[in-house]
N, C-alpha and C. Protein backbone atom coordinates (compact mmCIF):
# COMPACT_ATOMS: atom_id res chain seq x y z
N MET A 1 -11.90 -6.69 8.91
CA MET A 1 -11.05 -5.55 8.58
C MET A 1 -10.45 -6.64 7.46
N GLN A 2 -9.98 -6.34 6.08
CA GLN A 2 -9.29 -6.96 5.41
C GLN A 2 -8.03 -6.55 5.99
N PRO A 3 -7.09 -7.96 5.59
CA PRO A 3 -6.05 -7.45 5.66
C PRO A 3 -5.08 -6.39 4.81
N VAL A 4 -4.19 -5.59 5.09
CA VAL A 4 -3.31 -4.83 4.19
C VAL A 4 -1.97 -5.00 4.30
N THR A 5 -1.40 -5.39 2.73
CA THR A 5 0.07 -5.56 2.75
C THR A 5 0.29 -3.75 2.15
N MET A 6 1.72 -3.47 2.18
CA MET A 6 2.27 -2.31 1.45
C MET A 6 3.74 -2.36 1.82
N TYR A 7 4.67 -2.44 0.45
CA TYR A 7 5.96 -2.49 0.00
C TYR A 7 6.24 -1.59 0.05
N THR A 8 7.38 -1.07 0.76
CA THR A 8 7.87 0.47 1.20
C THR A 8 9.43 0.40 0.98
N LYS A 9 9.82 1.85 1.22
CA LYS A 9 11.13 2.15 1.10
C LYS A 9 11.31 3.43 2.24
N PRO A 10 12.55 2.85 3.24
CA PRO A 10 12.36 3.82 4.30
C PRO A 10 12.06 5.63 3.94
N PHE A 11 12.46 6.04 3.39
CA PHE A 11 12.98 7.18 2.90
C PHE A 11 12.18 8.10 1.85
N CYS A 12 10.99 7.36 1.79
CA CYS A 12 9.98 7.48 0.78
C CYS A 12 8.47 8.41 1.12
N GLY A 13 8.49 9.92 0.91
CA GLY A 13 7.50 10.64 1.22
C GLY A 13 6.01 10.11 1.07
N PHE A 14 5.88 8.88 0.08
CA PHE A 14 4.47 8.48 -0.12
C PHE A 14 4.14 7.24 0.61
N CYS A 15 4.91 6.60 0.99
CA CYS A 15 4.88 5.50 1.94
C CYS A 15 4.71 6.30 3.07
N HIS A 16 4.71 7.37 3.86
CA HIS A 16 5.17 7.91 5.14
C HIS A 16 3.46 8.44 4.91
N ALA A 17 3.18 9.08 4.01
CA ALA A 17 1.89 9.23 3.72
C ALA A 17 0.67 8.24 3.72
N ALA A 18 1.33 7.49 3.18
CA ALA A 18 0.16 6.30 3.42
C ALA A 18 -0.30 5.33 4.52
N LYS A 19 0.94 5.04 5.04
CA LYS A 19 0.90 4.67 6.59
C LYS A 19 0.25 5.36 7.48
N ARG A 20 0.57 7.16 7.39
CA ARG A 20 -0.33 7.89 8.17
C ARG A 20 -1.55 7.66 7.89
N LEU A 21 -1.90 7.98 6.67
CA LEU A 21 -3.56 7.48 6.39
C LEU A 21 -4.24 6.67 7.56
N LEU A 22 -3.57 5.12 6.89
CA LEU A 22 -3.89 4.04 7.47
C LEU A 22 -3.95 4.31 8.85
N ALA A 23 -2.74 4.59 9.83
CA ALA A 23 -2.75 4.80 11.16
C ALA A 23 -4.19 5.68 11.66
N GLN A 24 -4.49 7.17 10.81
CA GLN A 24 -5.47 7.92 11.12
C GLN A 24 -6.97 6.76 11.11
N LYS A 25 -6.88 5.80 10.47
CA LYS A 25 -8.25 5.08 10.24
C LYS A 25 -8.10 3.89 11.23
N GLY A 26 -6.50 4.14 11.71
CA GLY A 26 -6.90 2.67 12.81
C GLY A 26 -6.23 1.38 12.22
N VAL A 27 -6.00 1.27 11.23
CA VAL A 27 -5.59 0.16 10.14
C VAL A 27 -4.76 -0.36 10.71
N GLU A 28 -4.20 -1.65 10.76
CA GLU A 28 -2.73 -2.33 10.99
C GLU A 28 -2.67 -2.79 9.81
N PHE A 29 -1.60 -2.72 9.14
CA PHE A 29 -0.71 -3.57 8.32
C PHE A 29 0.31 -4.16 8.17
N THR A 30 0.81 -4.63 7.14
CA THR A 30 1.95 -5.26 7.09
C THR A 30 2.74 -4.57 6.14
N GLU A 31 4.18 -4.46 6.88
CA GLU A 31 4.72 -3.28 5.99
C GLU A 31 6.09 -4.26 5.35
N ILE A 32 6.41 -4.61 3.86
CA ILE A 32 7.67 -5.37 3.32
C ILE A 32 8.04 -4.32 3.04
N ASP A 33 9.83 -4.15 3.55
CA ASP A 33 10.40 -2.94 3.29
C ASP A 33 11.62 -3.50 2.13
N ILE A 34 11.24 -3.29 1.01
CA ILE A 34 12.47 -3.51 -0.15
C ILE A 34 13.91 -3.15 -0.39
N SER A 35 13.90 -2.26 0.33
CA SER A 35 15.11 -1.00 -0.14
C SER A 35 16.01 -2.54 0.43
N GLY A 36 17.46 -2.16 -0.88
CA GLY A 36 18.46 -3.64 -0.12
C GLY A 36 18.26 -4.85 -0.75
N ASN A 37 17.30 -5.09 -1.24
CA ASN A 37 16.39 -6.41 -1.29
C ASN A 37 16.02 -6.93 -2.74
N PRO A 38 16.63 -7.00 -3.78
CA PRO A 38 15.84 -6.91 -5.33
C PRO A 38 15.33 -8.23 -5.33
N ASP A 39 15.22 -9.28 -4.55
CA ASP A 39 14.26 -10.29 -4.54
C ASP A 39 12.83 -10.01 -4.10
N LEU A 40 12.78 -8.94 -2.76
CA LEU A 40 11.62 -8.39 -2.70
C LEU A 40 10.82 -7.57 -3.87
N ARG A 41 11.79 -6.29 -4.12
CA ARG A 41 11.53 -5.71 -5.23
C ARG A 41 10.79 -6.33 -6.72
N ARG A 42 11.53 -7.37 -7.16
CA ARG A 42 10.87 -8.14 -8.31
C ARG A 42 9.57 -8.97 -7.34
N GLU A 43 9.52 -9.40 -6.74
CA GLU A 43 8.04 -9.83 -5.93
C GLU A 43 7.27 -8.64 -6.37
N MET A 44 7.34 -7.51 -5.53
CA MET A 44 6.53 -6.08 -6.19
C MET A 44 6.46 -6.08 -7.30
N ILE A 45 7.07 -5.86 -8.08
CA ILE A 45 6.88 -5.55 -9.65
C ILE A 45 6.39 -6.52 -10.21
N GLN A 46 5.99 -7.85 -10.02
CA GLN A 46 5.21 -9.02 -10.18
C GLN A 46 3.99 -8.92 -10.12
N LYS A 47 4.07 -8.67 -8.80
CA LYS A 47 2.46 -8.62 -8.15
C LYS A 47 1.51 -7.47 -8.55
N ALA A 48 2.73 -6.31 -8.59
CA ALA A 48 1.86 -5.41 -9.19
C ALA A 48 1.47 -4.77 -10.33
N GLY A 49 1.88 -5.80 -11.13
CA GLY A 49 1.70 -5.94 -12.91
C GLY A 49 2.70 -4.90 -13.24
N GLY A 50 3.66 -4.34 -12.85
CA GLY A 50 5.11 -3.72 -13.70
C GLY A 50 5.46 -2.36 -12.78
N ARG A 51 4.15 -2.10 -12.28
CA ARG A 51 4.83 -1.33 -11.08
C ARG A 51 5.98 -0.91 -10.38
N THR A 52 6.52 -0.30 -10.24
CA THR A 52 7.89 -0.43 -9.88
C THR A 52 8.08 0.71 -9.03
N THR A 53 6.82 1.57 -8.19
CA THR A 53 7.32 2.87 -7.80
C THR A 53 6.41 2.20 -6.24
N VAL A 54 7.13 2.77 -5.20
CA VAL A 54 6.55 2.45 -3.90
C VAL A 54 5.86 3.35 -3.09
N PRO A 55 5.10 3.35 -2.17
CA PRO A 55 4.64 2.47 -1.64
C PRO A 55 3.59 1.50 -3.33
N GLN A 56 3.31 0.30 -2.92
CA GLN A 56 2.54 -0.44 -3.61
C GLN A 56 1.40 -1.34 -2.37
N ILE A 57 0.04 -1.10 -2.56
CA ILE A 57 -0.78 -1.15 -1.49
C ILE A 57 -1.70 -2.51 -2.17
N TRP A 58 -2.01 -3.43 -1.12
CA TRP A 58 -3.01 -4.33 -1.31
C TRP A 58 -4.31 -4.37 0.26
N ILE A 59 -5.21 -4.13 -0.53
CA ILE A 59 -6.08 -4.32 0.50
C ILE A 59 -6.97 -5.68 0.13
N GLY A 60 -6.51 -6.88 0.97
CA GLY A 60 -7.11 -7.82 1.06
C GLY A 60 -6.34 -8.35 -0.38
N GLU A 61 -7.07 -9.52 -1.29
CA GLU A 61 -6.72 -9.50 -2.60
C GLU A 61 -6.50 -8.21 -3.93
N THR A 62 -6.96 -7.30 -3.48
CA THR A 62 -6.94 -6.32 -4.20
C THR A 62 -5.82 -5.22 -4.53
N HIS A 63 -5.40 -5.22 -5.54
CA HIS A 63 -4.23 -4.25 -5.54
C HIS A 63 -4.65 -2.26 -5.82
N VAL A 64 -4.51 -1.95 -4.99
CA VAL A 64 -5.10 -0.53 -4.87
C VAL A 64 -4.00 0.16 -5.56
N GLY A 65 -2.69 0.20 -5.70
CA GLY A 65 -1.88 0.47 -6.39
C GLY A 65 -0.58 1.30 -5.13
N GLY A 66 -0.68 2.78 -5.41
CA GLY A 66 0.03 3.39 -4.80
C GLY A 66 -0.52 4.54 -4.04
N PHE A 67 0.15 5.37 -2.99
CA PHE A 67 -0.63 6.29 -2.32
C PHE A 67 -1.40 7.44 -3.26
N ASP A 68 -1.49 8.37 -3.85
CA ASP A 68 -2.61 8.33 -4.81
C ASP A 68 -3.91 7.70 -4.82
N ASP A 69 -3.31 6.67 -5.34
CA ASP A 69 -4.30 5.43 -5.63
C ASP A 69 -5.17 5.51 -4.46
N MET A 70 -4.90 4.74 -3.34
CA MET A 70 -5.28 5.08 -1.79
C MET A 70 -6.05 6.98 -1.57
N ASN A 71 -5.67 7.66 -1.77
CA ASN A 71 -5.86 8.76 -1.17
C ASN A 71 -7.28 8.88 -2.28
N ALA A 72 -6.95 8.85 -3.19
CA ALA A 72 -8.07 8.81 -4.05
C ALA A 72 -9.44 7.89 -3.84
N LEU A 73 -9.16 6.66 -3.23
CA LEU A 73 -10.44 6.18 -2.75
C LEU A 73 -10.79 6.62 -1.38
N GLU A 74 -10.21 7.00 -1.18
CA GLU A 74 -10.84 8.40 0.40
C GLU A 74 -11.47 9.58 -0.07
N GLY A 75 -11.07 9.76 -0.94
CA GLY A 75 -11.70 10.88 -1.33
C GLY A 75 -13.00 10.44 -1.95
N ARG A 76 -13.00 9.44 -2.47
CA ARG A 76 -14.51 9.04 -3.17
C ARG A 76 -15.38 8.15 -2.41
N GLY A 77 -14.60 8.14 -1.06
CA GLY A 77 -15.54 7.57 0.17
C GLY A 77 -15.36 6.01 -0.10
N ARG A 78 -14.89 5.77 -0.58
CA ARG A 78 -14.84 3.97 -0.85
C ARG A 78 -13.20 3.74 -0.06
N LEU A 79 -12.77 3.79 0.41
CA LEU A 79 -11.77 3.29 1.33
C LEU A 79 -12.01 2.22 2.26
N ASP A 80 -12.96 3.33 2.76
CA ASP A 80 -13.77 2.48 3.86
C ASP A 80 -14.36 1.05 3.61
N ALA A 81 -15.03 1.19 2.71
CA ALA A 81 -15.50 -0.04 2.52
C ALA A 81 -15.15 -1.03 2.04
N LEU A 82 -13.88 -0.74 1.23
CA LEU A 82 -12.71 -2.06 0.89
C LEU A 82 -12.10 -2.22 1.61
N LEU A 83 -11.59 -1.29 3.03
CA LEU A 83 -11.46 -2.01 4.42
C LEU A 83 -11.73 -3.12 4.83
N ALA A 84 -13.36 -2.68 4.94
CA ALA A 84 -14.27 -3.37 5.68
C ALA A 84 -14.86 -4.87 4.81
N GLY A 85 -14.49 -4.64 3.73
CA GLY A 85 -14.62 -6.07 3.12
C GLY A 85 -16.34 -5.82 2.49
């Protein structure tokens, strides 16, 4: 199983939806809360190629994007393969 990292904020509905999808699949992930931390926010934006919204999700070294992007992978049947590596 590939490691999953997700940059989030506590009151973000899309963040909660992403966590729920991963939990339904039994996937553990590292959550980085960027609220109130401008350094972590800058780090996320830099790593995400300028994207400023949360969540920003990485599976292994692959930047998936946000919840809509991850959910689209799930809908196309490609998320499990990416998680498996």
